[in-house]
Amino acid sequence: MNKIITYWIFLLIISLATIGLLFSILYDTKNFFSTLLVWIIVISIIFLVIRFIMSKNKGTEYQSFVKAAKKSKKRHNKNRPSVKRREFNKKLNSCH
C-alpha cells in the first residue's frame, strides 16, 4: 500500500515538473535558457571544486594504499609457492 502511494506521488511530481518545463520552454524561452546556463555554470564550478579537493587528498592516501597492497602481495607470494610449483609437487607426491 505504501509503495503504491509513493509511486503515485513520484509520478505526480515528475509530470508537474515536465509540464512546467514545457511551458517554460514554449512561453519564456530566453529566460529558460539563461537559467539553464546559470545552472550549468554553478554545477560545473561545484564539480571542479569537489574534484580538486578529492584529488588533493587522494594523492597521499592512494599512494600509501598502493604501497601497502604491493607489500601484502609480495608477502603473500613469498609464503605461497607458484601454481606451477604446486602442480609439480602434486605430481611428484602422486608418483611416490
PDB file of N, CA and C in Angstrom:
ATOM      1  N   MET A   1       0.828  -1.197   0.000  1.00  0.00           N
ATOM      2  CA  MET A   1       0.000   0.000   0.000  1.00  0.00           C
ATOM      3  C   MET A   1       0.870   1.256   0.000  1.00  0.00           C
ATOM      4  N   ASN A   2       1.910   1.242   0.818  1.00  0.00           N
ATOM      5  CA  ASN A   2       2.786   2.391   0.934  1.00  0.00           C
ATOM      6  C   ASN A   2       3.552   2.634  -0.359  1.00  0.00           C
ATOM      7  N   LYS A   3       3.951   1.558  -1.031  1.00  0.00           N
ATOM      8  CA  LYS A   3       4.695   1.695  -2.281  1.00  0.00           C
ATOM      9  C   LYS A   3       3.827   2.306  -3.373  1.00  0.00           C
ATOM     10  N   ILE A   4       2.562   1.965  -3.384  1.00  0.00           N
ATOM     11  CA  ILE A   4       1.650   2.494  -4.398  1.00  0.00           C
ATOM     12  C   ILE A   4       1.482   4.005  -4.223  1.00  0.00           C
ATOM     13  N   ILE A   5       1.313   4.455  -2.995  1.00  0.00           N
ATOM     14  CA  ILE A   5       1.161   5.883  -2.726  1.00  0.00           C
ATOM     15  C   ILE A   5       2.433   6.625  -3.108  1.00  0.00           C
ATOM     16  N   THR A   6       3.576   6.065  -2.734  1.00  0.00           N
ATOM     17  CA  THR A   6       4.858   6.682  -3.075  1.00  0.00           C
ATOM     18  C   THR A   6       5.020   6.775  -4.588  1.00  0.00           C
ATOM     19  N   TYR A   7       4.648   5.723  -5.297  1.00  0.00           N
ATOM     20  CA  TYR A   7       4.749   5.699  -6.748  1.00  0.00           C
ATOM     21  C   TYR A   7       3.896   6.796  -7.370  1.00  0.00           C
ATOM     22  N   TRP A   8       2.652   6.959  -6.909  1.00  0.00           N
ATOM     23  CA  TRP A   8       1.762   7.961  -7.481  1.00  0.00           C
ATOM     24  C   TRP A   8       2.227   9.384  -7.157  1.00  0.00           C
ATOM     25  N   ILE A   9       2.759   9.586  -5.952  1.00  0.00           N
ATOM     26  CA  ILE A   9       3.291  10.910  -5.606  1.00  0.00           C
ATOM     27  C   ILE A   9       4.494  11.236  -6.491  1.00  0.00           C
ATOM     28  N   PHE A  10       5.377  10.257  -6.678  1.00  0.00           N
ATOM     29  CA  PHE A  10       6.542  10.435  -7.543  1.00  0.00           C
ATOM     30  C   PHE A  10       6.104  10.737  -8.969  1.00  0.00           C
ATOM     31  N   LEU A  11       5.122  10.012  -9.453  1.00  0.00           N
ATOM     32  CA  LEU A  11       4.606  10.215 -10.809  1.00  0.00           C
ATOM     33  C   LEU A  11       3.990  11.606 -10.955  1.00  0.00           C
ATOM     34  N   LEU A  12       3.261  12.059  -9.949  1.00  0.00           N
ATOM     35  CA  LEU A  12       2.657  13.394  -9.962  1.00  0.00           C
ATOM     36  C   LEU A  12       3.732  14.481 -10.013  1.00  0.00           C
ATOM     37  N   ILE A  13       4.766  14.337  -9.194  1.00  0.00           N
ATOM     38  CA  ILE A  13       5.847  15.327  -9.166  1.00  0.00           C
ATOM     39  C   ILE A  13       6.565  15.381 -10.510  1.00  0.00           C
ATOM     40  N   ILE A  14       6.869  14.220 -11.084  1.00  0.00           N
ATOM     41  CA  ILE A  14       7.552  14.177 -12.378  1.00  0.00           C
ATOM     42  C   ILE A  14       6.681  14.788 -13.470  1.00  0.00           C
ATOM     43  N   SER A  15       5.388  14.478 -13.471  1.00  0.00           N
ATOM     44  CA  SER A  15       4.517  15.024 -14.513  1.00  0.00           C
ATOM     45  C   SER A  15       4.363  16.545 -14.372  1.00  0.00           C
ATOM     46  N   LEU A  16       4.235  17.055 -13.152  1.00  0.00           N
ATOM     47  CA  LEU A  16       4.149  18.503 -12.961  1.00  0.00           C
ATOM     48  C   LEU A  16       5.449  19.198 -13.376  1.00  0.00           C
ATOM     49  N   ALA A  17       6.578  18.578 -13.073  1.00  0.00           N
ATOM     50  CA  ALA A  17       7.864  19.152 -13.480  1.00  0.00           C
ATOM     51  C   ALA A  17       7.980  19.172 -15.002  1.00  0.00           C
ATOM     52  N   THR A  18       7.525  18.118 -15.662  1.00  0.00           N
ATOM     53  CA  THR A  18       7.580  18.062 -17.115  1.00  0.00           C
ATOM     54  C   THR A  18       6.685  19.134 -17.741  1.00  0.00           C
ATOM     55  N   ILE A  19       5.481  19.296 -17.194  1.00  0.00           N
ATOM     56  CA  ILE A  19       4.566  20.319 -17.700  1.00  0.00           C
ATOM     57  C   ILE A  19       5.169  21.711 -17.504  1.00  0.00           C
ATOM     58  N   GLY A  20       5.740  21.964 -16.332  1.00  0.00           N
ATOM     59  CA  GLY A  20       6.364  23.253 -16.073  1.00  0.00           C
ATOM     60  C   GLY A  20       7.533  23.523 -16.998  1.00  0.00           C
ATOM     61  N   LEU A  21       8.318  22.490 -17.255  1.00  0.00           N
ATOM     62  CA  LEU A  21       9.459  22.629 -18.163  1.00  0.00           C
ATOM     63  C   LEU A  21       8.989  22.948 -19.581  1.00  0.00           C
ATOM     64  N   LEU A  22       7.964  22.253 -20.038  1.00  0.00           N
ATOM     65  CA  LEU A  22       7.442  22.508 -21.385  1.00  0.00           C
ATOM     66  C   LEU A  22       6.880  23.926 -21.512  1.00  0.00           C
ATOM     67  N   PHE A  23       6.111  24.368 -20.515  1.00  0.00           N
ATOM     68  CA  PHE A  23       5.575  25.732 -20.554  1.00  0.00           C
ATOM     69  C   PHE A  23       6.691  26.764 -20.528  1.00  0.00           C
ATOM     70  N   SER A  24       7.714  26.492 -19.737  1.00  0.00           N
ATOM     71  CA  SER A  24       8.839  27.418 -19.666  1.00  0.00           C
ATOM     72  C   SER A  24       9.568  27.503 -21.001  1.00  0.00           C
ATOM     73  N   ILE A  25       9.729  26.373 -21.661  1.00  0.00           N
ATOM     74  CA  ILE A  25      10.401  26.368 -22.973  1.00  0.00           C
ATOM     75  C   ILE A  25       9.539  27.085 -24.013  1.00  0.00           C
ATOM     76  N   LEU A  26       8.238  26.829 -23.999  1.00  0.00           N
ATOM     77  CA  LEU A  26       7.358  27.395 -25.021  1.00  0.00           C
ATOM     78  C   LEU A  26       7.101  28.893 -24.840  1.00  0.00           C
ATOM     79  N   TYR A  27       6.894  29.346 -23.587  1.00  0.00           N
ATOM     80  CA  TYR A  27       6.441  30.712 -23.382  1.00  0.00           C
ATOM     81  C   TYR A  27       7.517  31.672 -22.871  1.00  0.00           C
ATOM     82  N   ASP A  28       8.598  31.151 -22.345  1.00  0.00           N
ATOM     83  CA  ASP A  28       9.651  32.020 -21.818  1.00  0.00           C
ATOM     84  C   ASP A  28      11.010  31.418 -22.160  1.00  0.00           C
ATOM     85  N   THR A  29      11.243  31.253 -23.442  1.00  0.00           N
ATOM     86  CA  THR A  29      12.429  30.538 -23.925  1.00  0.00           C
ATOM     87  C   THR A  29      13.724  31.228 -23.502  1.00  0.00           C
ATOM     88  N   LYS A  30      13.781  32.535 -23.633  1.00  0.00           N
ATOM     89  CA  LYS A  30      15.010  33.267 -23.312  1.00  0.00           C
ATOM     90  C   LYS A  30      15.365  33.092 -21.834  1.00  0.00           C
ATOM     91  N   ASN A  31      14.410  33.257 -20.971  1.00  0.00           N
ATOM     92  CA  ASN A  31      14.647  33.099 -19.533  1.00  0.00           C
ATOM     93  C   ASN A  31      15.014  31.652 -19.199  1.00  0.00           C
ATOM     94  N   PHE A  32      14.388  30.701 -19.866  1.00  0.00           N
ATOM     95  CA  PHE A  32      14.679  29.287 -19.620  1.00  0.00           C
ATOM     96  C   PHE A  32      16.134  28.978 -19.923  1.00  0.00           C
ATOM     97  N   PHE A  33      16.609  29.425 -21.089  1.00  0.00           N
ATOM     98  CA  PHE A  33      17.985  29.105 -21.464  1.00  0.00           C
ATOM     99  C   PHE A  33      19.001  29.888 -20.631  1.00  0.00           C
ATOM    100  N   SER A  34      18.672  31.092 -20.226  1.00  0.00           N
ATOM    101  CA  SER A  34      19.600  31.823 -19.353  1.00  0.00           C
ATOM    102  C   SER A  34      19.682  31.140 -17.979  1.00  0.00           C
ATOM    103  N   THR A  35      18.555  30.687 -17.460  1.00  0.00           N
ATOM    104  CA  THR A  35      18.557  29.953 -16.189  1.00  0.00           C
ATOM    105  C   THR A  35      19.312  28.640 -16.327  1.00  0.00           C
ATOM    106  N   LEU A  36      19.105  27.960 -17.443  1.00  0.00           N
ATOM    107  CA  LEU A  36      19.806  26.705 -17.698  1.00  0.00           C
ATOM    108  C   LEU A  36      21.314  26.921 -17.764  1.00  0.00           C
ATOM    109  N   LEU A  37      21.738  28.001 -18.400  1.00  0.00           N
ATOM    110  CA  LEU A  37      23.160  28.324 -18.491  1.00  0.00           C
ATOM    111  C   LEU A  37      23.751  28.591 -17.114  1.00  0.00           C
ATOM    112  N   VAL A  38      23.011  29.331 -16.277  1.00  0.00           N
ATOM    113  CA  VAL A  38      23.485  29.612 -14.923  1.00  0.00           C
ATOM    114  C   VAL A  38      23.619  28.306 -14.131  1.00  0.00           C
ATOM    115  N   TRP A  39      22.649  27.419 -14.228  1.00  0.00           N
ATOM    116  CA  TRP A  39      22.716  26.126 -13.540  1.00  0.00           C
ATOM    117  C   TRP A  39      23.912  25.303 -14.011  1.00  0.00           C
ATOM    118  N   ILE A  40      24.158  25.297 -15.302  1.00  0.00           N
ATOM    119  CA  ILE A  40      25.304  24.548 -15.831  1.00  0.00           C
ATOM    120  C   ILE A  40      26.610  25.107 -15.281  1.00  0.00           C
ATOM    121  N   ILE A  41      26.725  26.419 -15.217  1.00  0.00           N
ATOM    122  CA  ILE A  41      27.942  27.043 -14.698  1.00  0.00           C
ATOM    123  C   ILE A  41      28.121  26.731 -13.211  1.00  0.00           C
ATOM    124  N   VAL A  42      27.052  26.856 -12.436  1.00  0.00           N
ATOM    125  CA  VAL A  42      27.133  26.594 -10.995  1.00  0.00           C
ATOM    126  C   VAL A  42      27.501  25.136 -10.730  1.00  0.00           C
ATOM    127  N   ILE A  43      26.855  24.213 -11.418  1.00  0.00           N
ATOM    128  CA  ILE A  43      27.145  22.796 -11.221  1.00  0.00           C
ATOM    129  C   ILE A  43      28.571  22.469 -11.650  1.00  0.00           C
ATOM    130  N   SER A  44      29.041  23.082 -12.718  1.00  0.00           N
ATOM    131  CA  SER A  44      30.417  22.859 -13.168  1.00  0.00           C
ATOM    132  C   SER A  44      31.427  23.348 -12.138  1.00  0.00           C
ATOM    133  N   ILE A  45      31.176  24.510 -11.563  1.00  0.00           N
ATOM    134  CA  ILE A  45      32.085  25.039 -10.543  1.00  0.00           C
ATOM    135  C   ILE A  45      32.102  24.134  -9.321  1.00  0.00           C
ATOM    136  N   ILE A  46      30.938  23.709  -8.871  1.00  0.00           N
ATOM    137  CA  ILE A  46      30.870  22.802  -7.720  1.00  0.00           C
ATOM    138  C   ILE A  46      31.612  21.502  -8.026  1.00  0.00           C
ATOM    139  N   PHE A  47      31.404  20.950  -9.206  1.00  0.00           N
ATOM    140  CA  PHE A  47      32.070  19.713  -9.602  1.00  0.00           C
ATOM    141  C   PHE A  47      33.585  19.876  -9.613  1.00  0.00           C
ATOM    142  N   LEU A  48      34.078  20.986 -10.170  1.00  0.00           N
ATOM    143  CA  LEU A  48      35.522  21.209 -10.238  1.00  0.00           C
ATOM    144  C   LEU A  48      36.135  21.399  -8.849  1.00  0.00           C
ATOM    145  N   VAL A  49      35.434  22.102  -7.970  1.00  0.00           N
ATOM    146  CA  VAL A  49      35.933  22.301  -6.608  1.00  0.00           C
ATOM    147  C   VAL A  49      36.018  20.961  -5.878  1.00  0.00           C
ATOM    148  N   ILE A  50      34.972  20.164  -5.972  1.00  0.00           N
ATOM    149  CA  ILE A  50      34.973  18.854  -5.310  1.00  0.00           C
ATOM    150  C   ILE A  50      36.059  17.963  -5.897  1.00  0.00           C
ATOM    151  N   ARG A  51      36.207  17.981  -7.195  1.00  0.00           N
ATOM    152  CA  ARG A  51      37.239  17.165  -7.847  1.00  0.00           C
ATOM    153  C   ARG A  51      38.637  17.601  -7.408  1.00  0.00           C
ATOM    154  N   PHE A  52      38.850  18.911  -7.301  1.00  0.00           N
ATOM    155  CA  PHE A  52      40.142  19.421  -6.847  1.00  0.00           C
ATOM    156  C   PHE A  52      40.435  18.981  -5.415  1.00  0.00           C
ATOM    157  N   ILE A  53      39.443  19.088  -4.547  1.00  0.00           N
ATOM    158  CA  ILE A  53      39.625  18.694  -3.141  1.00  0.00           C
ATOM    159  C   ILE A  53      39.885  17.192  -3.034  1.00  0.00           C
ATOM    160  N   MET A  54      39.129  16.400  -3.783  1.00  0.00           N
ATOM    161  CA  MET A  54      39.304  14.945  -3.723  1.00  0.00           C
ATOM    162  C   MET A  54      40.657  14.520  -4.282  1.00  0.00           C
ATOM    163  N   SER A  55      41.112  15.153  -5.345  1.00  0.00           N
ATOM    164  CA  SER A  55      42.400  14.776  -5.925  1.00  0.00           C
ATOM    165  C   SER A  55      43.544  15.184  -5.005  1.00  0.00           C
ATOM    166  N   LYS A  56      43.376  16.251  -4.275  1.00  0.00           N
ATOM    167  CA  LYS A  56      44.402  16.700  -3.336  1.00  0.00           C
ATOM    168  C   LYS A  56      44.567  15.684  -2.202  1.00  0.00           C
ATOM    169  N   ASN A  57      43.469  15.183  -1.680  1.00  0.00           N
ATOM    170  CA  ASN A  57      43.510  14.194  -0.600  1.00  0.00           C
ATOM    171  C   ASN A  57      43.886  12.814  -1.119  1.00  0.00           C
ATOM    172  N   LYS A  58      43.513  12.536  -2.326  1.00  0.00           N
ATOM    173  CA  LYS A  58      43.707  11.205  -2.888  1.00  0.00           C
ATOM    174  C   LYS A  58      45.181  10.871  -3.063  1.00  0.00           C
ATOM    175  N   GLY A  59      46.012  11.872  -3.347  1.00  0.00           N
ATOM    176  CA  GLY A  59      47.413  11.640  -3.644  1.00  0.00           C
ATOM    177  C   GLY A  59      48.127  10.817  -2.601  1.00  0.00           C
ATOM    178  N   THR A  60      48.180  11.286  -1.365  1.00  0.00           N
ATOM    179  CA  THR A  60      48.937  10.586  -0.334  1.00  0.00           C
ATOM    180  C   THR A  60      48.245   9.312   0.110  1.00  0.00           C
ATOM    181  N   GLU A  61      46.936   9.343   0.266  1.00  0.00           N
ATOM    182  CA  GLU A  61      46.219   8.145   0.702  1.00  0.00           C
ATOM    183  C   GLU A  61      46.317   7.039  -0.335  1.00  0.00           C
ATOM    184  N   TYR A  62      46.160   7.389  -1.580  1.00  0.00           N
ATOM    185  CA  TYR A  62      46.201   6.384  -2.637  1.00  0.00           C
ATOM    186  C   TYR A  62      47.598   5.792  -2.767  1.00  0.00           C
ATOM    187  N   GLN A  63      48.621   6.640  -2.670  1.00  0.00           N
ATOM    188  CA  GLN A  63      49.993   6.133  -2.747  1.00  0.00           C
ATOM    189  C   GLN A  63      50.284   5.192  -1.591  1.00  0.00           C
ATOM    190  N   SER A  64      49.821   5.526  -0.401  1.00  0.00           N
ATOM    191  CA  SER A  64      50.010   4.654   0.757  1.00  0.00           C
ATOM    192  C   SER A  64      49.286   3.332   0.556  1.00  0.00           C
ATOM    193  N   PHE A  65      48.093   3.389   0.006  1.00  0.00           N
ATOM    194  CA  PHE A  65      47.331   2.173  -0.244  1.00  0.00           C
ATOM    195  C   PHE A  65      48.038   1.270  -1.253  1.00  0.00           C
ATOM    196  N   VAL A  66      48.537   1.869  -2.334  1.00  0.00           N
ATOM    197  CA  VAL A  66      49.232   1.087  -3.364  1.00  0.00           C
ATOM    198  C   VAL A  66      50.490   0.448  -2.784  1.00  0.00           C
ATOM    199  N   LYS A  67      51.223   1.204  -1.977  1.00  0.00           N
ATOM    200  CA  LYS A  67      52.442   0.679  -1.357  1.00  0.00           C
ATOM    201  C   LYS A  67      52.111  -0.503  -0.433  1.00  0.00           C
ATOM    202  N   ALA A  68      51.074  -0.358   0.384  1.00  0.00           N
ATOM    203  CA  ALA A  68      50.676  -1.441   1.294  1.00  0.00           C
ATOM    204  C   ALA A  68      50.190  -2.657   0.514  1.00  0.00           C
ATOM    205  N   ALA A  69      49.481  -2.439  -0.571  1.00  0.00           N
ATOM    206  CA  ALA A  69      48.992  -3.556  -1.385  1.00  0.00           C
ATOM    207  C   ALA A  69      50.155  -4.315  -2.010  1.00  0.00           C
ATOM    208  N   LYS A  70      51.160  -3.597  -2.476  1.00  0.00           N
ATOM    209  CA  LYS A  70      52.334  -4.258  -3.057  1.00  0.00           C
ATOM    210  C   LYS A  70      53.069  -5.075  -2.009  1.00  0.00           C
ATOM    211  N   LYS A  71      53.246  -4.515  -0.806  1.00  0.00           N
ATOM    212  CA  LYS A  71      53.914  -5.251   0.270  1.00  0.00           C
ATOM    213  C   LYS A  71      53.132  -6.503   0.625  1.00  0.00           C
ATOM    214  N   SER A  72      51.836  -6.375   0.721  1.00  0.00           N
ATOM    215  CA  SER A  72      50.988  -7.514   1.061  1.00  0.00           C
ATOM    216  C   SER A  72      51.087  -8.592  -0.015  1.00  0.00           C
ATOM    217  N   LYS A  73      51.084  -8.188  -1.251  1.00  0.00           N
ATOM    218  CA  LYS A  73      51.178  -9.145  -2.354  1.00  0.00           C
ATOM    219  C   LYS A  73      52.521  -9.865  -2.330  1.00  0.00           C
ATOM    220  N   LYS A  74      53.595  -9.117  -2.089  1.00  0.00           N
ATOM    221  CA  LYS A  74      54.918  -9.742  -2.000  1.00  0.00           C
ATOM    222  C   LYS A  74      54.966 -10.736  -0.849  1.00  0.00           C
ATOM    223  N   ARG A  75      54.462 -10.336   0.308  1.00  0.00           N
ATOM    224  CA  ARG A  75      54.456 -11.200   1.485  1.00  0.00           C
ATOM    225  C   ARG A  75      53.632 -12.456   1.222  1.00  0.00           C
ATOM    226  N   HIS A  76      52.515 -12.286   0.568  1.00  0.00           N
ATOM    227  CA  HIS A  76      51.636 -13.414   0.261  1.00  0.00           C
ATOM    228  C   HIS A  76      52.312 -14.371  -0.727  1.00  0.00           C
ATOM    229  N   ASN A  77      52.994 -13.843  -1.725  1.00  0.00           N
ATOM    230  CA  ASN A  77      53.644 -14.683  -2.728  1.00  0.00           C
ATOM    231  C   ASN A  77      54.868 -15.396  -2.174  1.00  0.00           C
ATOM    232  N   LYS A  78      55.568 -14.817  -1.195  1.00  0.00           N
ATOM    233  CA  LYS A  78      56.729 -15.476  -0.593  1.00  0.00           C
ATOM    234  C   LYS A  78      56.310 -16.718   0.183  1.00  0.00           C
ATOM    235  N   ASN A  79      55.192 -16.626   0.872  1.00  0.00           N
ATOM    236  CA  ASN A  79      54.735 -17.739   1.711  1.00  0.00           C
ATOM    237  C   ASN A  79      54.050 -18.829   0.904  1.00  0.00           C
ATOM    238  N   ARG A  80      53.709 -18.548  -0.313  1.00  0.00           N
ATOM    239  CA  ARG A  80      52.932 -19.484  -1.114  1.00  0.00           C
ATOM    240  C   ARG A  80      53.676 -19.781  -2.410  1.00  0.00           C
ATOM    241  N   PRO A  81      53.917 -21.050  -2.709  1.00  0.00           N
ATOM    242  CA  PRO A  81      54.612 -21.373  -3.959  1.00  0.00           C
ATOM    243  C   PRO A  81      53.735 -21.085  -5.169  1.00  0.00           C
ATOM    244  N   SER A  82      54.364 -20.947  -6.312  1.00  0.00           N
ATOM    245  CA  SER A  82      53.633 -20.637  -7.529  1.00  0.00           C
ATOM    246  C   SER A  82      52.734 -21.804  -7.935  1.00  0.00           C
ATOM    247  N   VAL A  83      51.836 -21.557  -8.875  1.00  0.00           N
ATOM    248  CA  VAL A  83      50.898 -22.585  -9.333  1.00  0.00           C
ATOM    249  C   VAL A  83      51.648 -23.735  -9.986  1.00  0.00           C
ATOM    250  N   LYS A  84      52.636 -23.414 -10.803  1.00  0.00           N
ATOM    251  CA  LYS A  84      53.402 -24.475 -11.467  1.00  0.00           C
ATOM    252  C   LYS A  84      54.118 -25.331 -10.440  1.00  0.00           C
ATOM    253  N   ARG A  85      54.672 -24.695  -9.418  1.00  0.00           N
ATOM    254  CA  ARG A  85      55.388 -25.431  -8.374  1.00  0.00           C
ATOM    255  C   ARG A  85      54.436 -26.337  -7.610  1.00  0.00           C
ATOM    256  N   ARG A  86      53.227 -25.869  -7.306  1.00  0.00           N
ATOM    257  CA  ARG A  86      52.246 -26.707  -6.592  1.00  0.00           C
ATOM    258  C   ARG A  86      51.822 -27.890  -7.444  1.00  0.00           C
ATOM    259  N   GLU A  87      51.611 -27.663  -8.750  1.00  0.00           N
ATOM    260  CA  GLU A  87      51.234 -28.773  -9.637  1.00  0.00           C
ATOM    261  C   GLU A  87      52.358 -29.792  -9.723  1.00  0.00           C
ATOM    262  N   PHE A  88      53.594 -29.320  -9.783  1.00  0.00           N
ATOM    263  CA  PHE A  88      54.738 -30.225  -9.837  1.00  0.00           C
ATOM    264  C   PHE A  88      54.823 -31.047  -8.550  1.00  0.00           C
ATOM    265  N   ASN A  89      54.590 -30.390  -7.414  1.00  0.00           N
ATOM    266  CA  ASN A  89      54.635 -31.105  -6.138  1.00  0.00           C
ATOM    267  C   ASN A  89      53.528 -32.149  -6.046  1.00  0.00           C
ATOM    268  N   LYS A  90      52.339 -31.850  -6.575  1.00  0.00           N
ATOM    269  CA  LYS A  90      51.244 -32.818  -6.581  1.00  0.00           C
ATOM    270  C   LYS A  90      51.611 -34.035  -7.414  1.00  0.00           C
ATOM    271  N   LYS A  91      52.176 -33.780  -8.597  1.00  0.00           N
ATOM    272  CA  LYS A  91      52.583 -34.902  -9.469  1.00  0.00           C
ATOM    273  C   LYS A  91      53.678 -35.710  -8.820  1.00  0.00           C
ATOM    274  N   LEU A  92      54.606 -35.041  -8.187  1.00  0.00           N
ATOM    275  CA  LEU A  92      55.714 -35.713  -7.532  1.00  0.00           C
ATOM    276  C   LEU A  92      55.222 -36.580  -6.388  1.00  0.00           C
ATOM    277  N   ASN A  93      54.261 -36.042  -5.608  1.00  0.00           N
ATOM    278  CA  ASN A  93      53.726 -36.808  -4.468  1.00  0.00           C
ATOM    279  C   ASN A  93      52.831 -37.952  -4.924  1.00  0.00           C
ATOM    280  N   SER A  94      52.159 -37.809  -6.035  1.00  0.00           N
ATOM    281  CA  SER A  94      51.278 -38.873  -6.514  1.00  0.00           C
ATOM    282  C   SER A  94      52.090 -40.041  -7.095  1.00  0.00           C
ATOM    283  N   CYS A  95      53.306 -39.776  -7.571  1.00  0.00           N
ATOM    284  CA  CYS A  95      54.140 -40.819  -8.134  1.00  0.00           C
ATOM    285  C   CYS A  95      54.691 -41.725  -7.034  1.00  0.00           C
ATOM    286  N   HIS A  96      54.902 -41.205  -5.848  1.00  0.00           N
ATOM    287  CA  HIS A  96      55.513 -41.998  -4.782  1.00  0.00           C
ATOM    288  C   HIS A  96      54.542 -42.834  -4.065  1.00  0.00           C
TER     289      HIS A  96
END
